[in-house]
PDB file of N, CA and C in Angstrom:
ATOM      1  N   MET A   1      74.543  -1.699 125.282  1.00  0.00           N
ATOM      2  CA  MET A   1      74.401  -2.564 124.141  1.00  0.00           C
ATOM      3  C   MET A   1      72.868  -2.085 123.833  1.00  0.00           C
ATOM      4  N   GLY A   2      72.683  -1.744 122.317  1.00  0.00           N
ATOM      5  CA  GLY A   2      71.599  -1.253 121.737  1.00  0.00           C
ATOM      6  C   GLY A   2      70.662  -2.829 121.664  1.00  0.00           C
ATOM      7  N   THR A   3      69.426  -2.209 121.208  1.00  0.00           N
ATOM      8  CA  THR A   3      68.482  -3.397 120.736  1.00  0.00           C
ATOM      9  C   THR A   3      68.946  -4.311 119.624  1.00  0.00           C
ATOM     10  N   ILE A   4      68.487  -5.555 119.408  1.00  0.00           N
ATOM     11  CA  ILE A   4      68.944  -6.303 118.092  1.00  0.00           C
ATOM     12  C   ILE A   4      67.705  -6.027 117.094  1.00  0.00           C
ATOM     13  N   LYS A   5      68.303  -5.796 115.912  1.00  0.00           N
ATOM     14  CA  LYS A   5      67.136  -4.991 114.852  1.00  0.00           C
ATOM     15  C   LYS A   5      67.422  -6.356 113.973  1.00  0.00           C
ATOM     16  N   PHE A   6      66.654  -6.539 112.875  1.00  0.00           N
ATOM     17  CA  PHE A   6      66.529  -7.226 111.538  1.00  0.00           C
ATOM     18  C   PHE A   6      66.103  -6.037 110.566  1.00  0.00           C
ATOM     19  N   THR A   7      66.047  -6.443 109.290  1.00  0.00           N
ATOM     20  CA  THR A   7      65.722  -5.664 107.941  1.00  0.00           C
ATOM     21  C   THR A   7      64.306  -6.177 107.610  1.00  0.00           C
ATOM     22  N   ILE A   8      63.368  -5.319 107.213  1.00  0.00           N
ATOM     23  CA  ILE A   8      62.294  -5.813 106.502  1.00  0.00           C
ATOM     24  C   ILE A   8      62.080  -5.101 105.170  1.00  0.00           C
ATOM     25  N   SER A   9      61.960  -5.767 103.884  1.00  0.00           N
ATOM     26  CA  SER A   9      61.939  -5.318 102.716  1.00  0.00           C
ATOM     27  C   SER A   9      60.526  -5.551 102.153  1.00  0.00           C
ATOM     28  N   HIS A  10      60.054  -4.582 101.506  1.00  0.00           N
ATOM     29  CA  HIS A  10      58.659  -4.458 101.188  1.00  0.00           C
ATOM     30  C   HIS A  10      58.794  -3.806  99.281  1.00  0.00           C
ATOM     31  N   LYS A  11      57.886  -4.650  98.531  1.00  0.00           N
ATOM     32  CA  LYS A  11      57.731  -4.349  97.108  1.00  0.00           C
ATOM     33  C   LYS A  11      56.386  -4.018  96.891  1.00  0.00           C
ATOM     34  N   ARG A  12      56.532  -2.620  97.708  1.00  0.00           N
ATOM     35  CA  ARG A  12      54.743  -2.166  97.603  1.00  0.00           C
ATOM     36  C   ARG A  12      54.022  -1.851  96.369  1.00  0.00           C
ATOM     37  N   LYS A  13      54.713  -1.762  95.349  1.00  0.00           N
ATOM     38  CA  LYS A  13      53.949  -1.381  94.002  1.00  0.00           C
ATOM     39  C   LYS A  13      53.054  -2.888  93.785  1.00  0.00           C
ATOM     40  N   ASP A  14      53.715  -3.691  94.205  1.00  0.00           N
ATOM     41  CA  ASP A  14      53.164  -5.135  93.980  1.00  0.00           C
ATOM     42  C   ASP A  14      51.998  -5.643  94.922  1.00  0.00           C
ATOM     43  N   CYS A  15      51.741  -4.910  95.801  1.00  0.00           N
ATOM     44  CA  CYS A  15      50.902  -5.127  96.825  1.00  0.00           C
ATOM     45  C   CYS A  15      49.606  -5.219  96.279  1.00  0.00           C
ATOM     46  N   ILE A  16      48.722  -6.349  96.645  1.00  0.00           N
ATOM     47  CA  ILE A  16      47.107  -6.189  96.358  1.00  0.00           C
ATOM     48  C   ILE A  16      46.148  -6.016  97.578  1.00  0.00           C
ATOM     49  N   GLY A  17      46.814  -5.350  98.574  1.00  0.00           N
ATOM     50  CA  GLY A  17      46.016  -5.040  99.854  1.00  0.00           C
ATOM     51  C   GLY A  17      45.210  -6.075 100.430  1.00  0.00           C
ATOM     52  N   CYS A  18      45.765  -7.088 100.560  1.00  0.00           N
ATOM     53  CA  CYS A  18      44.994  -8.107 101.134  1.00  0.00           C
ATOM     54  C   CYS A  18      45.065  -8.089 102.539  1.00  0.00           C
ATOM     55  N   GLY A  19      46.000  -7.402 103.393  1.00  0.00           N
ATOM     56  CA  GLY A  19      45.720  -7.276 104.776  1.00  0.00           C
ATOM     57  C   GLY A  19      46.447  -8.038 105.762  1.00  0.00           C
ATOM     58  N   HIS A  20      46.891  -9.017 105.149  1.00  0.00           N
ATOM     59  CA  HIS A  20      47.428 -10.206 105.944  1.00  0.00           C
ATOM     60  C   HIS A  20      48.653  -9.611 106.659  1.00  0.00           C
ATOM     61  N   CYS A  21      49.615  -9.103 106.369  1.00  0.00           N
ATOM     62  CA  CYS A  21      50.715  -8.283 107.099  1.00  0.00           C
ATOM     63  C   CYS A  21      50.345  -7.736 108.187  1.00  0.00           C
ATOM     64  N   ALA A  22      49.160  -6.657 107.711  1.00  0.00           N
ATOM     65  CA  ALA A  22      48.512  -5.653 109.160  1.00  0.00           C
ATOM     66  C   ALA A  22      47.845  -6.421 110.394  1.00  0.00           C
ATOM     67  N   LEU A  23      47.419  -7.702 109.499  1.00  0.00           N
ATOM     68  CA  LEU A  23      46.607  -8.269 110.557  1.00  0.00           C
ATOM     69  C   LEU A  23      47.599  -9.120 111.668  1.00  0.00           C
ATOM     70  N   VAL A  24      48.528  -9.990 110.998  1.00  0.00           N
ATOM     71  CA  VAL A  24      49.691 -10.492 111.885  1.00  0.00           C
ATOM     72  C   VAL A  24      50.483  -9.882 112.472  1.00  0.00           C
ATOM     73  N   ALA A  25      51.181  -8.622 111.906  1.00  0.00           N
ATOM     74  CA  ALA A  25      51.995  -7.821 112.586  1.00  0.00           C
ATOM     75  C   ALA A  25      51.647  -6.459 112.681  1.00  0.00           C
ATOM     76  N   PRO A  26      50.665  -5.924 113.472  1.00  0.00           N
ATOM     77  CA  PRO A  26      50.455  -4.861 113.508  1.00  0.00           C
ATOM     78  C   PRO A  26      51.005  -3.442 113.725  1.00  0.00           C
ATOM     79  N   HIS A  27      52.291  -3.930 114.511  1.00  0.00           N
ATOM     80  CA  HIS A  27      53.108  -3.285 115.080  1.00  0.00           C
ATOM     81  C   HIS A  27      54.082  -2.719 114.250  1.00  0.00           C
ATOM     82  N   THR A  28      54.233  -3.310 112.793  1.00  0.00           N
ATOM     83  CA  THR A  28      55.368  -3.230 111.879  1.00  0.00           C
ATOM     84  C   THR A  28      54.165  -2.663 110.616  1.00  0.00           C
ATOM     85  N   TRP A  29      53.146  -3.163 110.045  1.00  0.00           N
ATOM     86  CA  TRP A  29      52.423  -2.977 109.210  1.00  0.00           C
ATOM     87  C   TRP A  29      50.940  -2.293 109.527  1.00  0.00           C
ATOM     88  N   THR A  30      50.600  -1.360 108.322  1.00  0.00           N
ATOM     89  CA  THR A  30      48.918  -0.701 108.631  1.00  0.00           C
ATOM     90  C   THR A  30      48.611  -0.583 106.854  1.00  0.00           C
ATOM     91  N   MET A  31      47.370  -0.596 106.823  1.00  0.00           N
ATOM     92  CA  MET A  31      46.776  -0.532 105.830  1.00  0.00           C
ATOM     93  C   MET A  31      46.525   0.847 105.182  1.00  0.00           C
ATOM     94  N   ASN A  32      46.946   1.328 104.151  1.00  0.00           N
ATOM     95  CA  ASN A  32      46.786   2.987 103.623  1.00  0.00           C
ATOM     96  C   ASN A  32      45.699   3.122 103.455  1.00  0.00           C
ATOM     97  N   HIS A  33      44.666   3.913 103.899  1.00  0.00           N
ATOM     98  CA  HIS A  33      43.491   4.553 103.884  1.00  0.00           C
ATOM     99  C   HIS A  33      42.924   4.898 102.446  1.00  0.00           C
ATOM    100  N   GLU A  34      44.147   5.542 101.581  1.00  0.00           N
ATOM    101  CA  GLU A  34      44.026   5.933 100.675  1.00  0.00           C
ATOM    102  C   GLU A  34      43.840   5.355  99.472  1.00  0.00           C
ATOM    103  N   ASP A  35      45.048   4.085  99.180  1.00  0.00           N
ATOM    104  CA  ASP A  35      45.122   3.431  98.145  1.00  0.00           C
ATOM    105  C   ASP A  35      44.720   2.118  98.519  1.00  0.00           C
ATOM    106  N   GLY A  36      44.608   1.379  99.980  1.00  0.00           N
ATOM    107  CA  GLY A  36      43.940   0.685 100.141  1.00  0.00           C
ATOM    108  C   GLY A  36      45.364  -0.901 100.074  1.00  0.00           C
ATOM    109  N   LEU A  37      46.576   0.019 100.126  1.00  0.00           N
ATOM    110  CA  LEU A  37      47.792  -1.352  99.993  1.00  0.00           C
ATOM    111  C   LEU A  37      48.292  -1.199 101.562  1.00  0.00           C
ATOM    112  N   SER A  38      49.107  -1.945 101.945  1.00  0.00           N
ATOM    113  CA  SER A  38      49.786  -1.866 103.018  1.00  0.00           C
ATOM    114  C   SER A  38      51.155  -0.999 102.809  1.00  0.00           C
ATOM    115  N   ASP A  39      51.340  -0.406 104.109  1.00  0.00           N
ATOM    116  CA  ASP A  39      52.334   0.435 104.591  1.00  0.00           C
ATOM    117  C   ASP A  39      53.250  -0.276 105.608  1.00  0.00           C
ATOM    118  N   LEU A  40      54.848  -0.277 105.272  1.00  0.00           N
ATOM    119  CA  LEU A  40      55.498  -0.576 106.283  1.00  0.00           C
ATOM    120  C   LEU A  40      56.084   0.643 107.077  1.00  0.00           C
ATOM    121  N   LYS A  41      55.459   0.384 108.467  1.00  0.00           N
ATOM    122  CA  LYS A  41      55.900   1.540 109.098  1.00  0.00           C
ATOM    123  C   LYS A  41      57.337   1.893 109.353  1.00  0.00           C
ATOM    124  N   ASN A  42      57.668   3.243 109.231  1.00  0.00           N
ATOM    125  CA  ASN A  42      59.157   3.622 109.646  1.00  0.00           C
ATOM    126  C   ASN A  42      60.126   3.027 108.461  1.00  0.00           C
ATOM    127  N   ALA A  43      59.395   3.394 107.026  1.00  0.00           N
ATOM    128  CA  ALA A  43      60.315   2.612 105.852  1.00  0.00           C
ATOM    129  C   ALA A  43      60.881   3.761 105.267  1.00  0.00           C
ATOM    130  N   CYS A  44      61.651   3.573 104.606  1.00  0.00           N
ATOM    131  CA  CYS A  44      62.344   4.139 103.602  1.00  0.00           C
ATOM    132  C   CYS A  44      62.661   3.807 102.296  1.00  0.00           C
ATOM    133  N   ALA A  45      62.551   4.719 101.174  1.00  0.00           N
ATOM    134  CA  ALA A  45      62.485   3.923  99.797  1.00  0.00           C
ATOM    135  C   ALA A  45      64.028   3.320  99.654  1.00  0.00           C
ATOM    136  N   LYS A  46      64.085   2.232  99.004  1.00  0.00           N
ATOM    137  CA  LYS A  46      65.080   1.601  98.705  1.00  0.00           C
ATOM    138  C   LYS A  46      65.090   1.368  97.415  1.00  0.00           C
ATOM    139  N   GLY A  47      65.743   2.387  96.243  1.00  0.00           N
ATOM    140  CA  GLY A  47      65.896   2.118  95.001  1.00  0.00           C
ATOM    141  C   GLY A  47      64.213   2.368  94.365  1.00  0.00           C
ATOM    142  N   ASP A  48      63.905   2.232  93.150  1.00  0.00           N
ATOM    143  CA  ASP A  48      62.438   2.694  92.837  1.00  0.00           C
ATOM    144  C   ASP A  48      61.321   1.378  93.377  1.00  0.00           C
ATOM    145  N   ASP A  49      61.747   0.346  93.711  1.00  0.00           N
ATOM    146  CA  ASP A  49      60.680  -0.921  93.893  1.00  0.00           C
ATOM    147  C   ASP A  49      60.627  -1.436  95.318  1.00  0.00           C
ATOM    148  N   TYR A  50      61.290  -0.757  96.311  1.00  0.00           N
ATOM    149  CA  TYR A  50      61.534  -1.265  97.621  1.00  0.00           C
ATOM    150  C   TYR A  50      61.363   0.019  98.338  1.00  0.00           C
ATOM    151  N   MET A  51      60.619  -0.392  99.815  1.00  0.00           N
ATOM    152  CA  MET A  51      60.433  -0.009 100.952  1.00  0.00           C
ATOM    153  C   MET A  51      61.189  -0.697 102.041  1.00  0.00           C
ATOM    154  N   VAL A  52      62.064  -0.122 102.888  1.00  0.00           N
ATOM    155  CA  VAL A  52      62.787  -0.882 103.901  1.00  0.00           C
ATOM    156  C   VAL A  52      62.874  -0.183 105.374  1.00  0.00           C
ATOM    157  N   ALA A  53      62.982  -1.152 106.242  1.00  0.00           N
ATOM    158  CA  ALA A  53      62.764  -0.612 107.565  1.00  0.00           C
ATOM    159  C   ALA A  53      63.239  -1.530 108.467  1.00  0.00           C
ATOM    160  N   ASP A  54      64.078  -0.867 109.706  1.00  0.00           N
ATOM    161  CA  ASP A  54      64.117  -1.901 110.762  1.00  0.00           C
ATOM    162  C   ASP A  54      63.489  -2.152 111.647  1.00  0.00           C
ATOM    163  N   ALA A  55      63.474  -3.368 112.361  1.00  0.00           N
ATOM    164  CA  ALA A  55      62.450  -3.667 113.315  1.00  0.00           C
ATOM    165  C   ALA A  55      63.125  -4.267 114.614  1.00  0.00           C
ATOM    166  N   ASP A  56      62.629  -3.934 115.624  1.00  0.00           N
ATOM    167  CA  ASP A  56      63.090  -4.920 116.703  1.00  0.00           C
ATOM    168  C   ASP A  56      62.893  -6.351 116.802  1.00  0.00           C
ATOM    169  N   ILE A  57      63.686  -7.072 117.198  1.00  0.00           N
ATOM    170  CA  ILE A  57      63.931  -8.596 117.062  1.00  0.00           C
ATOM    171  C   ILE A  57      62.220  -8.867 117.717  1.00  0.00           C
ATOM    172  N   ASP A  58      62.022  -8.451 118.508  1.00  0.00           N
ATOM    173  CA  ASP A  58      60.893  -9.059 119.586  1.00  0.00           C
ATOM    174  C   ASP A  58      59.691  -9.094 118.319  1.00  0.00           C
ATOM    175  N   VAL A  59      59.650  -8.266 117.436  1.00  0.00           N
ATOM    176  CA  VAL A  59      58.563  -8.886 116.446  1.00  0.00           C
ATOM    177  C   VAL A  59      59.015  -9.794 115.016  1.00  0.00           C
ATOM    178  N   ARG A  60      60.519 -10.161 115.215  1.00  0.00           N
ATOM    179  CA  ARG A  60      60.736 -11.004 114.210  1.00  0.00           C
ATOM    180  C   ARG A  60      59.350 -12.020 113.979  1.00  0.00           C
ATOM    181  N   LYS A  61      58.724 -12.760 114.967  1.00  0.00           N
ATOM    182  CA  LYS A  61      57.894 -13.933 114.680  1.00  0.00           C
ATOM    183  C   LYS A  61      56.770 -13.496 113.984  1.00  0.00           C
ATOM    184  N   ASP A  62      56.253 -12.375 114.515  1.00  0.00           N
ATOM    185  CA  ASP A  62      54.998 -11.908 113.647  1.00  0.00           C
ATOM    186  C   ASP A  62      55.364 -11.672 112.027  1.00  0.00           C
ATOM    187  N   ASN A  63      56.298 -11.056 112.004  1.00  0.00           N
ATOM    188  CA  ASN A  63      56.783 -10.661 110.435  1.00  0.00           C
ATOM    189  C   ASN A  63      57.266 -11.661 109.765  1.00  0.00           C
ATOM    190  N   GLU A  64      57.648 -12.951 110.429  1.00  0.00           N
ATOM    191  CA  GLU A  64      57.921 -14.416 109.524  1.00  0.00           C
ATOM    192  C   GLU A  64      56.499 -14.668 109.401  1.00  0.00           C
ATOM    193  N   LEU A  65      55.441 -14.346 109.855  1.00  0.00           N
ATOM    194  CA  LEU A  65      54.440 -14.798 109.420  1.00  0.00           C
ATOM    195  C   LEU A  65      53.610 -13.897 108.699  1.00  0.00           C
ATOM    196  N   ALA A  66      53.782 -12.720 108.640  1.00  0.00           N
ATOM    197  CA  ALA A  66      53.619 -11.726 107.257  1.00  0.00           C
ATOM    198  C   ALA A  66      54.035 -12.298 106.227  1.00  0.00           C
ATOM    199  N   GLU A  67      55.359 -12.389 106.364  1.00  0.00           N
ATOM    200  CA  GLU A  67      56.522 -12.841 104.923  1.00  0.00           C
ATOM    201  C   GLU A  67      55.425 -14.142 104.433  1.00  0.00           C
ATOM    202  N   SER A  68      55.326 -15.052 105.256  1.00  0.00           N
ATOM    203  CA  SER A  68      55.004 -16.583 104.669  1.00  0.00           C
ATOM    204  C   SER A  68      53.392 -16.538 104.383  1.00  0.00           C
ATOM    205  N   SER A  69      52.658 -15.414 104.751  1.00  0.00           N
ATOM    206  CA  SER A  69      51.404 -15.326 104.433  1.00  0.00           C
ATOM    207  C   SER A  69      50.927 -14.543 103.445  1.00  0.00           C
ATOM    208  N   CYS A  70      52.088 -13.741 102.770  1.00  0.00           N
ATOM    209  CA  CYS A  70      51.780 -12.949 101.815  1.00  0.00           C
ATOM    210  C   CYS A  70      51.682 -13.739 100.443  1.00  0.00           C
ATOM    211  N   PRO A  71      50.287 -13.517  99.693  1.00  0.00           N
ATOM    212  CA  PRO A  71      50.158 -14.261  98.905  1.00  0.00           C
ATOM    213  C   PRO A  71      50.742 -13.729  97.423  1.00  0.00           C
ATOM    214  N   VAL A  72      51.485 -12.812  97.415  1.00  0.00           N
ATOM    215  CA  VAL A  72      52.395 -12.293  96.288  1.00  0.00           C
ATOM    216  C   VAL A  72      53.838 -12.068  96.750  1.00  0.00           C
ATOM    217  N   ASN A  73      54.230 -12.696  97.628  1.00  0.00           N
ATOM    218  CA  ASN A  73      55.635 -12.630  98.088  1.00  0.00           C
ATOM    219  C   ASN A  73      56.281 -11.536  98.035  1.00  0.00           C
ATOM    220  N   ILE A  74      55.908 -10.593  98.544  1.00  0.00           N
ATOM    221  CA  ILE A  74      56.603  -9.190  98.644  1.00  0.00           C
ATOM    222  C   ILE A  74      57.461  -8.773  99.506  1.00  0.00           C
ATOM    223  N   ILE A  75      57.234  -9.575 100.740  1.00  0.00           N
ATOM    224  CA  ILE A  75      57.806  -9.360 102.058  1.00  0.00           C
ATOM    225  C   ILE A  75      58.850 -10.116 102.063  1.00  0.00           C
ATOM    226  N   ARG A  76      60.017  -9.285 102.722  1.00  0.00           N
ATOM    227  CA  ARG A  76      61.342 -10.199 102.819  1.00  0.00           C
ATOM    228  C   ARG A  76      62.168  -9.835 104.258  1.00  0.00           C
ATOM    229  N   LEU A  77      62.499 -10.641 104.724  1.00  0.00           N
ATOM    230  CA  LEU A  77      63.238 -10.354 106.152  1.00  0.00           C
ATOM    231  C   LEU A  77      64.634 -10.459 105.783  1.00  0.00           C
ATOM    232  N   GLY A  78      65.513  -9.626 106.673  1.00  0.00           N
ATOM    233  CA  GLY A  78      66.872  -9.761 106.537  1.00  0.00           C
ATOM    234  C   GLY A  78      67.259 -10.318 107.915  1.00  0.00           C
ATOM    235  N   LYS A  79      68.540 -10.244 108.017  1.00  0.00           N
ATOM    236  CA  LYS A  79      69.365 -10.172 109.387  1.00  0.00           C
ATOM    237  C   LYS A  79      69.184  -9.032 110.197  1.00  0.00           C
TER     238      LYS A  79
END
């Protein structure tokens, strides 16, 4: 039986670089030192607007906090 996963979507082009996501969920998020915006670790592009990654269920609570604290509402968690 494999590890239970969930999906995270990030609309990076609308990021303002506040850093809340990287602060509350550092295993999933990092701040890009080149442009100051957040990067979703291990993400792949989905269309022109979104970066998407699968994450282990043990970091879901941290990412729920990242989602709810994002001032521009560009983080979405899936199943």
